[in-house]
Amino acid sequence: MQKIAFIWDLDGTLLDSYEAILLGIEETFGQFSIPYDKEKVREFILKFSVQDLLEKVAEKRKLDVEVLNQVRAQNLAEKNAQVVLMPGASEVLDWADETGIQQFVYTHKGDNALTILRDLGLESYFTEILTSQSGFARKPSSEAATYLLGKYQLDSEKTYYIGDRTLDVEFAQNSRIQSINFLESSYEGNHRIQALADIPYIFEGK
């Protein structure tokens, strides 16, 4: 399995961070007197992204999306201590490391992701960590995957993007790599899991 590579999403995949994200959005909305409905916001960011939410709200309320994003990022950074690992995350990262699987991160989080991974003691697992500030087009564009595949000479048929949203499956599909996701998908390259602990079983006998 030396040629296998994992590219990890963070929020909702490796990190149990949605409550911190939602609280950060709630505080940001409060500062700009924007009505906040937790369940509607949760549903929207799971289907699309936090960036899409902020762009929609900024356009509707004639606000500067960059300012909105900066305030939200600051509010979220203050909640790093509330971000914990998803169940089974440490075990799967250890298993992959011991098996010789090369691991990367590609997330829409900003560079605060580096601080969180460092604080949780995870940074050393990853060959490279790409964030929203790395300069690549956002998912589902294949730009970040193309960069990693080329730089590290990864085999696209043995490279897996691990995520929790439809957007993550679309990213894998557009990148012509495999997908491991908590969701069902019509993409034939997707492997559905119920929990991170299911991942090693995908590779039994390979």
N, C-alpha and C. Protein backbone atom coordinates (compact mmCIF):
# COMPACT_ATOMS: atom_id res chain seq x y z
N MET A 1 0.82 -1.21 0.00
CA MET A 1 0.00 0.00 0.00
C MET A 1 0.86 1.26 0.00
N GLN A 2 2.11 1.12 -0.41
CA GLN A 2 3.01 2.28 -0.36
C GLN A 2 2.55 3.43 -1.25
N LYS A 3 1.80 3.14 -2.31
CA LYS A 3 1.45 4.19 -3.26
C LYS A 3 0.16 4.91 -2.92
N ILE A 4 -0.54 4.46 -1.90
CA ILE A 4 -1.81 5.08 -1.54
C ILE A 4 -1.57 6.42 -0.86
N ALA A 5 -2.43 7.40 -1.16
CA ALA A 5 -2.34 8.71 -0.52
C ALA A 5 -3.73 9.14 -0.06
N PHE A 6 -3.79 9.77 1.10
CA PHE A 6 -5.01 10.34 1.64
C PHE A 6 -4.90 11.87 1.63
N ILE A 7 -5.93 12.52 1.11
CA ILE A 7 -6.05 13.97 1.27
C ILE A 7 -7.26 14.19 2.15
N TRP A 8 -7.05 14.80 3.29
CA TRP A 8 -8.11 14.94 4.29
C TRP A 8 -8.79 16.32 4.24
N ASP A 9 -10.11 16.31 4.33
CA ASP A 9 -10.86 17.50 4.71
C ASP A 9 -10.75 17.60 6.23
N LEU A 10 -11.08 18.75 6.81
CA LEU A 10 -10.97 18.89 8.27
C LEU A 10 -12.33 18.94 8.97
N ASP A 11 -13.09 20.03 8.75
CA ASP A 11 -14.34 20.21 9.50
C ASP A 11 -15.35 19.11 9.19
N GLY A 12 -15.78 18.43 10.24
CA GLY A 12 -16.76 17.36 10.08
C GLY A 12 -16.16 16.05 9.61
N THR A 13 -14.85 16.05 9.36
CA THR A 13 -14.17 14.83 8.90
C THR A 13 -13.14 14.40 9.93
N LEU A 14 -12.06 15.15 10.07
CA LEU A 14 -11.09 14.89 11.13
C LEU A 14 -11.43 15.65 12.40
N LEU A 15 -12.00 16.84 12.22
CA LEU A 15 -12.29 17.72 13.36
C LEU A 15 -13.78 17.82 13.63
N ASP A 16 -14.16 17.64 14.89
CA ASP A 16 -15.53 17.86 15.33
C ASP A 16 -15.63 19.34 15.69
N SER A 17 -15.90 20.16 14.67
CA SER A 17 -15.76 21.60 14.82
C SER A 17 -17.01 22.39 14.46
N TYR A 18 -18.07 21.71 14.05
CA TYR A 18 -19.23 22.45 13.55
C TYR A 18 -19.89 23.31 14.63
N GLU A 19 -19.91 22.84 15.87
CA GLU A 19 -20.52 23.67 16.92
C GLU A 19 -19.73 24.96 17.12
N ALA A 20 -18.40 24.87 17.07
CA ALA A 20 -17.57 26.07 17.19
C ALA A 20 -17.78 26.99 16.00
N ILE A 21 -17.90 26.41 14.81
CA ILE A 21 -18.13 27.19 13.60
C ILE A 21 -19.46 27.93 13.69
N LEU A 22 -20.50 27.20 14.10
CA LEU A 22 -21.84 27.79 14.20
C LEU A 22 -21.87 28.91 15.24
N LEU A 23 -21.16 28.71 16.36
CA LEU A 23 -21.12 29.74 17.39
C LEU A 23 -20.38 30.98 16.88
N GLY A 24 -19.32 30.76 16.11
CA GLY A 24 -18.58 31.87 15.53
C GLY A 24 -19.43 32.67 14.55
N ILE A 25 -20.24 31.95 13.75
CA ILE A 25 -21.14 32.62 12.81
C ILE A 25 -22.22 33.38 13.57
N GLU A 26 -22.76 32.77 14.63
CA GLU A 26 -23.80 33.42 15.43
C GLU A 26 -23.29 34.74 16.00
N GLU A 27 -22.07 34.73 16.55
CA GLU A 27 -21.50 35.94 17.13
C GLU A 27 -21.25 37.00 16.06
N THR A 28 -20.79 36.54 14.88
CA THR A 28 -20.54 37.47 13.77
C THR A 28 -21.85 38.11 13.31
N PHE A 29 -22.87 37.29 13.14
CA PHE A 29 -24.18 37.82 12.74
C PHE A 29 -24.68 38.83 13.78
N GLY A 30 -24.46 38.53 15.05
CA GLY A 30 -24.89 39.43 16.12
C GLY A 30 -24.21 40.79 16.04
N GLN A 31 -22.93 40.78 15.69
CA GLN A 31 -22.17 42.03 15.60
C GLN A 31 -22.67 42.91 14.44
N PHE A 32 -23.26 42.27 13.42
CA PHE A 32 -23.77 43.01 12.27
C PHE A 32 -25.30 43.08 12.26
N SER A 33 -25.92 42.69 13.39
CA SER A 33 -27.39 42.70 13.53
C SER A 33 -28.08 41.90 12.43
N ILE A 34 -27.51 40.72 12.10
CA ILE A 34 -28.08 39.84 11.09
C ILE A 34 -28.85 38.73 11.82
N PRO A 35 -30.12 38.48 11.46
CA PRO A 35 -30.88 37.40 12.10
C PRO A 35 -30.16 36.06 11.93
N TYR A 36 -30.21 35.24 12.98
CA TYR A 36 -29.49 33.96 12.97
C TYR A 36 -30.44 32.81 13.30
N ASP A 37 -30.51 31.84 12.39
CA ASP A 37 -31.28 30.62 12.60
C ASP A 37 -30.29 29.45 12.52
N LYS A 38 -29.97 28.88 13.66
CA LYS A 38 -28.90 27.88 13.73
C LYS A 38 -29.11 26.71 12.77
N GLU A 39 -30.31 26.15 12.73
CA GLU A 39 -30.54 24.97 11.89
C GLU A 39 -30.47 25.31 10.41
N LYS A 40 -30.99 26.48 10.04
CA LYS A 40 -30.91 26.88 8.63
C LYS A 40 -29.46 27.14 8.22
N VAL A 41 -28.70 27.76 9.12
CA VAL A 41 -27.29 28.01 8.84
C VAL A 41 -26.53 26.69 8.73
N ARG A 42 -26.78 25.78 9.66
CA ARG A 42 -26.12 24.46 9.63
C ARG A 42 -26.40 23.75 8.30
N GLU A 43 -27.67 23.74 7.93
CA GLU A 43 -28.07 23.06 6.69
C GLU A 43 -27.39 23.69 5.48
N PHE A 44 -27.30 25.02 5.47
CA PHE A 44 -26.70 25.72 4.33
C PHE A 44 -25.20 25.42 4.23
N ILE A 45 -24.47 25.52 5.35
CA ILE A 45 -23.01 25.34 5.26
C ILE A 45 -22.64 23.89 4.99
N LEU A 46 -23.50 22.95 5.38
CA LEU A 46 -23.22 21.55 5.06
C LEU A 46 -23.44 21.28 3.57
N LYS A 47 -24.44 21.94 3.01
CA LYS A 47 -24.73 21.75 1.59
C LYS A 47 -23.77 22.53 0.71
N PHE A 48 -23.42 23.73 1.13
CA PHE A 48 -22.54 24.59 0.34
C PHE A 48 -21.23 24.83 1.11
N SER A 49 -21.08 26.02 1.69
CA SER A 49 -19.89 26.31 2.50
C SER A 49 -20.14 27.57 3.31
N VAL A 50 -19.29 27.82 4.29
CA VAL A 50 -19.38 29.04 5.08
C VAL A 50 -19.15 30.25 4.19
N GLN A 51 -18.19 30.14 3.27
CA GLN A 51 -17.90 31.25 2.36
C GLN A 51 -19.13 31.61 1.52
N ASP A 52 -19.81 30.60 1.02
CA ASP A 52 -21.03 30.84 0.23
C ASP A 52 -22.09 31.55 1.09
N LEU A 53 -22.19 31.14 2.34
CA LEU A 53 -23.15 31.78 3.25
C LEU A 53 -22.83 33.25 3.43
N LEU A 54 -21.55 33.54 3.70
CA LEU A 54 -21.15 34.93 3.94
C LEU A 54 -21.35 35.79 2.69
N GLU A 55 -21.06 35.22 1.52
CA GLU A 55 -21.25 35.97 0.27
C GLU A 55 -22.72 36.29 0.05
N LYS A 56 -23.58 35.31 0.35
CA LYS A 56 -25.03 35.51 0.18
C LYS A 56 -25.55 36.59 1.14
N VAL A 57 -25.12 36.51 2.40
CA VAL A 57 -25.56 37.47 3.41
C VAL A 57 -25.02 38.86 3.10
N ALA A 58 -23.76 38.94 2.69
CA ALA A 58 -23.14 40.23 2.38
C ALA A 58 -23.86 40.91 1.22
N GLU A 59 -24.19 40.13 0.20
CA GLU A 59 -24.89 40.70 -0.96
C GLU A 59 -26.28 41.20 -0.56
N LYS A 60 -26.97 40.41 0.23
CA LYS A 60 -28.33 40.77 0.64
C LYS A 60 -28.35 42.02 1.51
N ARG A 61 -27.33 42.16 2.37
CA ARG A 61 -27.34 43.26 3.34
C ARG A 61 -26.36 44.37 2.99
N LYS A 62 -25.82 44.30 1.77
CA LYS A 62 -24.91 45.35 1.29
C LYS A 62 -23.71 45.53 2.22
N LEU A 63 -23.12 44.40 2.60
CA LEU A 63 -21.94 44.42 3.47
C LEU A 63 -20.71 43.99 2.69
N ASP A 64 -19.54 44.31 3.21
CA ASP A 64 -18.28 43.89 2.61
C ASP A 64 -17.99 42.46 3.08
N VAL A 65 -17.98 41.52 2.15
CA VAL A 65 -17.80 40.11 2.52
C VAL A 65 -16.44 39.86 3.17
N GLU A 66 -15.43 40.63 2.78
CA GLU A 66 -14.09 40.46 3.36
C GLU A 66 -14.09 40.85 4.84
N VAL A 67 -14.78 41.93 5.15
CA VAL A 67 -14.87 42.37 6.55
C VAL A 67 -15.65 41.33 7.35
N LEU A 68 -16.74 40.85 6.78
CA LEU A 68 -17.55 39.82 7.43
C LEU A 68 -16.71 38.57 7.71
N ASN A 69 -15.91 38.19 6.74
CA ASN A 69 -15.07 37.00 6.87
C ASN A 69 -13.99 37.20 7.93
N GLN A 70 -13.41 38.39 7.97
CA GLN A 70 -12.36 38.67 8.96
C GLN A 70 -12.92 38.60 10.39
N VAL A 71 -14.10 39.16 10.58
CA VAL A 71 -14.74 39.12 11.90
C VAL A 71 -15.06 37.68 12.28
N ARG A 72 -15.59 36.92 11.32
CA ARG A 72 -15.93 35.52 11.59
C ARG A 72 -14.67 34.71 11.92
N ALA A 73 -13.61 34.94 11.16
CA ALA A 73 -12.36 34.20 11.40
C ALA A 73 -11.81 34.49 12.80
N GLN A 74 -11.90 35.75 13.22
CA GLN A 74 -11.44 36.11 14.55
C GLN A 74 -12.30 35.43 15.62
N ASN A 75 -13.62 35.46 15.43
CA ASN A 75 -14.53 34.81 16.39
C ASN A 75 -14.26 33.31 16.47
N LEU A 76 -13.97 32.70 15.32
CA LEU A 76 -13.72 31.26 15.30
C LEU A 76 -12.38 30.92 15.95
N ALA A 77 -11.36 31.74 15.68
CA ALA A 77 -10.03 31.49 16.25
C ALA A 77 -10.06 31.48 17.77
N GLU A 78 -10.98 32.27 18.33
CA GLU A 78 -11.11 32.33 19.78
C GLU A 78 -11.73 31.06 20.36
N LYS A 79 -12.22 30.19 19.47
CA LYS A 79 -12.90 28.96 19.92
C LYS A 79 -12.11 27.70 19.60
N ASN A 80 -10.82 27.87 19.33
CA ASN A 80 -10.00 26.71 18.98
C ASN A 80 -10.05 25.61 20.04
N ALA A 81 -10.15 26.02 21.30
CA ALA A 81 -10.15 25.04 22.39
C ALA A 81 -11.39 24.15 22.36
N GLN A 82 -12.45 24.62 21.67
CA GLN A 82 -13.68 23.83 21.58
C GLN A 82 -13.64 22.79 20.46
N VAL A 83 -12.62 22.88 19.62
CA VAL A 83 -12.49 21.95 18.49
C VAL A 83 -11.79 20.68 18.97
N VAL A 84 -12.44 19.55 18.76
CA VAL A 84 -11.87 18.26 19.18
C VAL A 84 -11.82 17.32 17.98
N LEU A 85 -11.16 16.20 18.16
CA LEU A 85 -11.06 15.21 17.09
C LEU A 85 -12.35 14.43 16.94
N MET A 86 -12.67 14.06 15.71
CA MET A 86 -13.79 13.15 15.46
C MET A 86 -13.42 11.78 16.04
N PRO A 87 -14.44 11.00 16.46
CA PRO A 87 -14.16 9.66 16.98
C PRO A 87 -13.37 8.83 15.98
N GLY A 88 -12.30 8.20 16.45
CA GLY A 88 -11.49 7.33 15.60
C GLY A 88 -10.43 8.03 14.79
N ALA A 89 -10.36 9.37 14.86
CA ALA A 89 -9.41 10.11 14.03
C ALA A 89 -7.96 9.74 14.34
N SER A 90 -7.60 9.75 15.61
CA SER A 90 -6.21 9.42 15.98
C SER A 90 -5.80 8.04 15.51
N GLU A 91 -6.73 7.09 15.70
CA GLU A 91 -6.44 5.70 15.34
C GLU A 91 -6.23 5.54 13.83
N VAL A 92 -7.06 6.21 13.04
CA VAL A 92 -6.94 6.09 11.58
C VAL A 92 -5.68 6.79 11.08
N LEU A 93 -5.36 7.94 11.66
CA LEU A 93 -4.12 8.63 11.27
C LEU A 93 -2.91 7.78 11.61
N ASP A 94 -2.92 7.15 12.78
CA ASP A 94 -1.82 6.25 13.18
C ASP A 94 -1.72 5.07 12.23
N TRP A 95 -2.87 4.46 11.94
CA TRP A 95 -2.90 3.29 11.04
C TRP A 95 -2.33 3.65 9.67
N ALA A 96 -2.78 4.77 9.12
CA ALA A 96 -2.31 5.19 7.81
C ALA A 96 -0.81 5.48 7.84
N ASP A 97 -0.35 6.12 8.90
CA ASP A 97 1.06 6.44 9.05
C ASP A 97 1.91 5.17 9.11
N GLU A 98 1.46 4.23 9.91
CA GLU A 98 2.19 2.96 10.08
C GLU A 98 2.16 2.12 8.81
N THR A 99 1.11 2.27 8.01
CA THR A 99 0.95 1.49 6.78
C THR A 99 1.74 2.09 5.63
N GLY A 100 2.23 3.30 5.81
CA GLY A 100 3.00 3.95 4.75
C GLY A 100 2.17 4.78 3.80
N ILE A 101 0.94 5.11 4.19
CA ILE A 101 0.08 5.95 3.37
C ILE A 101 0.50 7.41 3.57
N GLN A 102 0.77 8.09 2.46
CA GLN A 102 1.15 9.50 2.55
C GLN A 102 -0.12 10.34 2.77
N GLN A 103 -0.06 11.29 3.71
CA GLN A 103 -1.26 12.03 4.08
C GLN A 103 -1.08 13.54 3.90
N PHE A 104 -2.16 14.16 3.43
CA PHE A 104 -2.20 15.60 3.17
C PHE A 104 -3.50 16.17 3.72
N VAL A 105 -3.61 17.48 3.77
CA VAL A 105 -4.86 18.16 4.12
C VAL A 105 -5.17 19.18 3.05
N TYR A 106 -6.44 19.21 2.62
CA TYR A 106 -6.93 20.33 1.82
C TYR A 106 -8.26 20.77 2.41
N THR A 107 -8.27 21.96 2.97
CA THR A 107 -9.44 22.46 3.67
C THR A 107 -9.77 23.88 3.24
N HIS A 108 -11.04 24.24 3.37
CA HIS A 108 -11.46 25.63 3.14
C HIS A 108 -11.21 26.51 4.36
N LYS A 109 -10.76 25.89 5.46
CA LYS A 109 -10.39 26.70 6.63
C LYS A 109 -9.19 27.57 6.27
N GLY A 110 -9.05 28.68 6.97
CA GLY A 110 -7.88 29.53 6.78
C GLY A 110 -6.68 28.95 7.50
N ASP A 111 -5.64 29.77 7.65
CA ASP A 111 -4.41 29.29 8.28
C ASP A 111 -4.58 28.98 9.77
N ASN A 112 -5.73 29.33 10.33
CA ASN A 112 -6.04 28.91 11.70
C ASN A 112 -6.05 27.38 11.80
N ALA A 113 -6.29 26.72 10.66
CA ALA A 113 -6.25 25.25 10.61
C ALA A 113 -4.89 24.72 11.08
N LEU A 114 -3.82 25.43 10.72
CA LEU A 114 -2.47 25.01 11.11
C LEU A 114 -2.31 25.06 12.62
N THR A 115 -2.87 26.11 13.23
CA THR A 115 -2.81 26.26 14.69
C THR A 115 -3.57 25.13 15.37
N ILE A 116 -4.76 24.83 14.86
CA ILE A 116 -5.58 23.77 15.46
C ILE A 116 -4.87 22.43 15.36
N LEU A 117 -4.34 22.10 14.18
CA LEU A 117 -3.65 20.82 13.99
C LEU A 117 -2.42 20.73 14.89
N ARG A 118 -1.73 21.86 15.04
CA ARG A 118 -0.54 21.89 15.92
C ARG A 118 -0.96 21.67 17.37
N ASP A 119 -2.03 22.37 17.78
CA ASP A 119 -2.51 22.26 19.16
C ASP A 119 -2.97 20.83 19.49
N LEU A 120 -3.52 20.15 18.48
CA LEU A 120 -4.01 18.78 18.69
C LEU A 120 -2.91 17.73 18.48
N GLY A 121 -1.72 18.18 18.13
CA GLY A 121 -0.60 17.26 17.94
C GLY A 121 -0.67 16.44 16.67
N LEU A 122 -1.33 16.98 15.63
CA LEU A 122 -1.54 16.22 14.40
C LEU A 122 -0.66 16.66 13.23
N GLU A 123 -0.02 17.80 13.37
CA GLU A 123 0.69 18.40 12.24
C GLU A 123 1.70 17.46 11.59
N SER A 124 2.37 16.64 12.39
CA SER A 124 3.44 15.79 11.88
C SER A 124 2.95 14.64 10.98
N TYR A 125 1.65 14.38 11.00
CA TYR A 125 1.12 13.31 10.15
C TYR A 125 1.11 13.70 8.67
N PHE A 126 1.14 14.99 8.37
CA PHE A 126 0.84 15.45 7.02
C PHE A 126 2.07 15.97 6.28
N THR A 127 2.22 15.50 5.04
CA THR A 127 3.32 15.94 4.19
C THR A 127 3.15 17.40 3.82
N GLU A 128 1.91 17.82 3.53
CA GLU A 128 1.62 19.22 3.22
C GLU A 128 0.17 19.52 3.61
N ILE A 129 -0.05 20.73 4.08
CA ILE A 129 -1.38 21.17 4.51
C ILE A 129 -1.76 22.38 3.67
N LEU A 130 -2.84 22.25 2.90
CA LEU A 130 -3.34 23.35 2.08
C LEU A 130 -4.59 23.93 2.72
N THR A 131 -4.63 25.26 2.84
CA THR A 131 -5.78 25.95 3.42
C THR A 131 -6.36 26.90 2.38
N SER A 132 -7.38 27.65 2.78
CA SER A 132 -7.99 28.61 1.87
C SER A 132 -7.00 29.71 1.50
N GLN A 133 -5.96 29.85 2.30
CA GLN A 133 -4.96 30.88 2.02
C GLN A 133 -3.77 30.37 1.20
N SER A 134 -3.87 29.14 0.71
CA SER A 134 -2.80 28.59 -0.13
C SER A 134 -2.89 29.07 -1.57
N GLY A 135 -4.03 29.70 -1.93
CA GLY A 135 -4.14 30.31 -3.25
C GLY A 135 -4.82 29.47 -4.32
N PHE A 136 -5.38 28.33 -3.95
CA PHE A 136 -6.04 27.48 -4.93
C PHE A 136 -7.53 27.80 -5.03
N ALA A 137 -8.10 27.54 -6.21
CA ALA A 137 -9.54 27.70 -6.38
C ALA A 137 -10.26 26.79 -5.40
N ARG A 138 -11.40 27.24 -4.90
CA ARG A 138 -12.13 26.48 -3.90
C ARG A 138 -12.74 25.22 -4.49
N LYS A 139 -13.00 24.25 -3.62
CA LYS A 139 -13.72 23.06 -4.05
C LYS A 139 -15.07 23.48 -4.64
N PRO A 140 -15.58 22.82 -5.67
CA PRO A 140 -15.10 21.54 -6.21
C PRO A 140 -14.07 21.63 -7.33
N SER A 141 -13.42 22.79 -7.50
CA SER A 141 -12.34 22.88 -8.49
C SER A 141 -11.25 21.86 -8.14
N SER A 142 -10.66 21.29 -9.17
CA SER A 142 -9.64 20.24 -8.97
C SER A 142 -8.23 20.82 -8.79
N GLU A 143 -8.13 22.14 -8.74
CA GLU A 143 -6.81 22.80 -8.77
C GLU A 143 -5.86 22.30 -7.68
N ALA A 144 -6.35 22.20 -6.44
CA ALA A 144 -5.48 21.78 -5.33
C ALA A 144 -5.02 20.33 -5.51
N ALA A 145 -5.93 19.48 -5.96
CA ALA A 145 -5.58 18.07 -6.18
C ALA A 145 -4.55 17.94 -7.29
N THR A 146 -4.73 18.71 -8.36
CA THR A 146 -3.79 18.68 -9.48
C THR A 146 -2.38 19.06 -8.99
N TYR A 147 -2.33 20.05 -8.11
CA TYR A 147 -1.05 20.48 -7.53
C TYR A 147 -0.39 19.35 -6.74
N LEU A 148 -1.17 18.72 -5.85
CA LEU A 148 -0.61 17.65 -5.01
C LEU A 148 -0.22 16.43 -5.84
N LEU A 149 -1.07 16.06 -6.78
CA LEU A 149 -0.76 14.90 -7.64
C LEU A 149 0.53 15.12 -8.40
N GLY A 150 0.72 16.35 -8.91
CA GLY A 150 1.92 16.64 -9.69
C GLY A 150 3.16 16.76 -8.83
N LYS A 151 3.07 17.50 -7.74
CA LYS A 151 4.24 17.75 -6.90
C LYS A 151 4.78 16.47 -6.27
N TYR A 152 3.87 15.58 -5.84
CA TYR A 152 4.30 14.37 -5.12
C TYR A 152 4.18 13.11 -5.96
N GLN A 153 3.89 13.29 -7.25
CA GLN A 153 3.77 12.16 -8.18
C GLN A 153 2.85 11.07 -7.63
N LEU A 154 1.67 11.49 -7.21
CA LEU A 154 0.69 10.56 -6.66
C LEU A 154 -0.07 9.87 -7.78
N ASP A 155 -0.49 8.65 -7.52
CA ASP A 155 -1.30 7.88 -8.46
C ASP A 155 -2.77 8.25 -8.21
N SER A 156 -3.42 8.85 -9.21
CA SER A 156 -4.79 9.32 -9.02
C SER A 156 -5.75 8.19 -8.65
N GLU A 157 -5.48 7.00 -9.13
CA GLU A 157 -6.36 5.85 -8.83
C GLU A 157 -6.18 5.36 -7.40
N LYS A 158 -5.10 5.78 -6.76
CA LYS A 158 -4.83 5.34 -5.39
C LYS A 158 -4.76 6.53 -4.42
N THR A 159 -5.31 7.66 -4.86
CA THR A 159 -5.37 8.85 -4.01
C THR A 159 -6.82 9.09 -3.63
N TYR A 160 -7.07 9.29 -2.34
CA TYR A 160 -8.43 9.38 -1.81
C TYR A 160 -8.63 10.71 -1.11
N TYR A 161 -9.73 11.40 -1.47
CA TYR A 161 -10.11 12.60 -0.72
C TYR A 161 -11.16 12.18 0.30
N ILE A 162 -10.89 12.45 1.57
CA ILE A 162 -11.76 12.01 2.65
C ILE A 162 -12.52 13.21 3.18
N GLY A 163 -13.86 13.17 3.05
CA GLY A 163 -14.68 14.30 3.46
C GLY A 163 -16.05 13.90 3.97
N ASP A 164 -16.89 14.91 4.20
CA ASP A 164 -18.20 14.65 4.81
C ASP A 164 -19.34 15.31 4.06
N ARG A 165 -19.06 15.95 2.93
CA ARG A 165 -20.12 16.67 2.22
C ARG A 165 -20.13 16.31 0.74
N THR A 166 -21.25 16.62 0.08
CA THR A 166 -21.36 16.41 -1.36
C THR A 166 -20.26 17.16 -2.09
N LEU A 167 -19.94 18.36 -1.61
CA LEU A 167 -18.89 19.17 -2.20
C LEU A 167 -17.56 18.42 -2.24
N ASP A 168 -17.31 17.61 -1.22
CA ASP A 168 -16.06 16.86 -1.15
C ASP A 168 -16.03 15.72 -2.17
N VAL A 169 -17.18 15.09 -2.37
CA VAL A 169 -17.27 14.05 -3.40
C VAL A 169 -17.07 14.68 -4.78
N GLU A 170 -17.68 15.84 -5.00
CA GLU A 170 -17.56 16.54 -6.28
C GLU A 170 -16.11 16.93 -6.54
N PHE A 171 -15.42 17.34 -5.49
CA PHE A 171 -14.00 17.68 -5.62
C PHE A 171 -13.20 16.45 -6.07
N ALA A 172 -13.46 15.31 -5.43
CA ALA A 172 -12.76 14.08 -5.81
C ALA A 172 -13.08 13.69 -7.26
N GLN A 173 -14.36 13.78 -7.60
CA GLN A 173 -14.78 13.40 -8.95
C GLN A 173 -14.13 14.31 -10.00
N ASN A 174 -14.16 15.63 -9.77
CA ASN A 174 -13.55 16.57 -10.71
C ASN A 174 -12.05 16.37 -10.81
N SER A 175 -11.45 15.89 -9.71
CA SER A 175 -10.00 15.68 -9.67
C SER A 175 -9.61 14.30 -10.21
N ARG A 176 -10.63 13.48 -10.49
CA ARG A 176 -10.42 12.11 -10.98
C ARG A 176 -9.61 11.28 -10.01
N ILE A 177 -9.93 11.49 -8.72
CA ILE A 177 -9.34 10.66 -7.67
C ILE A 177 -10.47 9.95 -6.94
N GLN A 178 -10.12 9.07 -6.03
CA GLN A 178 -11.11 8.32 -5.27
C GLN A 178 -11.69 9.19 -4.14
N SER A 179 -12.83 8.78 -3.65
CA SER A 179 -13.50 9.51 -2.58
C SER A 179 -13.85 8.56 -1.44
N ILE A 180 -13.63 9.02 -0.21
CA ILE A 180 -14.14 8.34 0.99
C ILE A 180 -14.99 9.38 1.69
N ASN A 181 -16.28 9.06 1.92
CA ASN A 181 -17.19 10.08 2.41
C ASN A 181 -18.26 9.45 3.29
N PHE A 182 -18.82 10.26 4.19
CA PHE A 182 -19.91 9.80 5.05
C PHE A 182 -21.24 9.74 4.31
N LEU A 183 -21.27 10.23 3.07
CA LEU A 183 -22.51 10.28 2.30
C LEU A 183 -22.54 9.25 1.19
N GLU A 184 -23.75 8.87 0.81
CA GLU A 184 -23.95 8.08 -0.40
C GLU A 184 -23.70 8.98 -1.59
N SER A 185 -23.24 8.41 -2.70
CA SER A 185 -23.02 9.20 -3.90
C SER A 185 -23.14 8.32 -5.13
N SER A 186 -23.54 8.95 -6.23
CA SER A 186 -23.62 8.21 -7.50
C SER A 186 -22.23 8.09 -8.13
N TYR A 187 -21.24 8.81 -7.58
CA TYR A 187 -19.88 8.72 -8.11
C TYR A 187 -19.31 7.34 -7.82
N GLU A 188 -18.94 6.66 -8.87
CA GLU A 188 -18.48 5.26 -8.71
C GLU A 188 -17.18 5.16 -7.93
N GLY A 189 -16.45 6.29 -7.84
CA GLY A 189 -15.20 6.29 -7.08
C GLY A 189 -15.39 6.58 -5.61
N ASN A 190 -16.66 6.69 -5.16
CA ASN A 190 -16.91 7.01 -3.76
C ASN A 190 -17.06 5.75 -2.91
N HIS A 191 -16.45 5.76 -1.74
CA HIS A 191 -16.57 4.67 -0.77
C HIS A 191 -17.23 5.26 0.47
N ARG A 192 -18.45 4.84 0.75
CA ARG A 192 -19.16 5.42 1.88
C ARG A 192 -18.72 4.76 3.19
N ILE A 193 -18.54 5.59 4.22
CA ILE A 193 -18.22 5.09 5.56
C ILE A 193 -19.26 5.61 6.54
N GLN A 194 -19.44 4.88 7.63
CA GLN A 194 -20.30 5.33 8.72
C GLN A 194 -19.47 6.05 9.79
N ALA A 195 -18.21 5.65 9.88
CA ALA A 195 -17.30 6.21 10.88
C ALA A 195 -15.87 6.12 10.34
N LEU A 196 -14.97 6.93 10.88
CA LEU A 196 -13.58 6.90 10.42
C LEU A 196 -12.94 5.52 10.62
N ALA A 197 -13.41 4.81 11.63
CA ALA A 197 -12.86 3.48 11.92
C ALA A 197 -13.13 2.49 10.78
N ASP A 198 -14.05 2.83 9.86
CA ASP A 198 -14.34 1.95 8.72
C ASP A 198 -13.26 2.01 7.65
N ILE A 199 -12.46 3.06 7.64
CA ILE A 199 -11.52 3.29 6.54
C ILE A 199 -10.54 2.14 6.31
N PRO A 200 -9.89 1.59 7.35
CA PRO A 200 -8.94 0.49 7.08
C PRO A 200 -9.56 -0.71 6.37
N TYR A 201 -10.85 -0.94 6.60
CA TYR A 201 -11.51 -2.10 5.98
C TYR A 201 -11.63 -1.96 4.47
N ILE A 202 -11.61 -0.72 3.97
CA ILE A 202 -11.68 -0.49 2.52
C ILE A 202 -10.46 -1.10 1.85
N PHE A 203 -9.36 -1.15 2.59
CA PHE A 203 -8.08 -1.55 2.00
C PHE A 203 -7.66 -2.98 2.35
N GLU A 204 -8.54 -3.72 2.98
CA GLU A 204 -8.24 -5.11 3.29
C GLU A 204 -8.01 -5.89 2.00
N GLY A 205 -6.89 -6.57 1.94
CA GLY A 205 -6.60 -7.41 0.78
C GLY A 205 -5.99 -6.65 -0.39
N LYS A 206 -5.80 -5.33 -0.22
CA LYS A 206 -5.21 -4.56 -1.33
C LYS A 206 -3.70 -4.49 -1.18
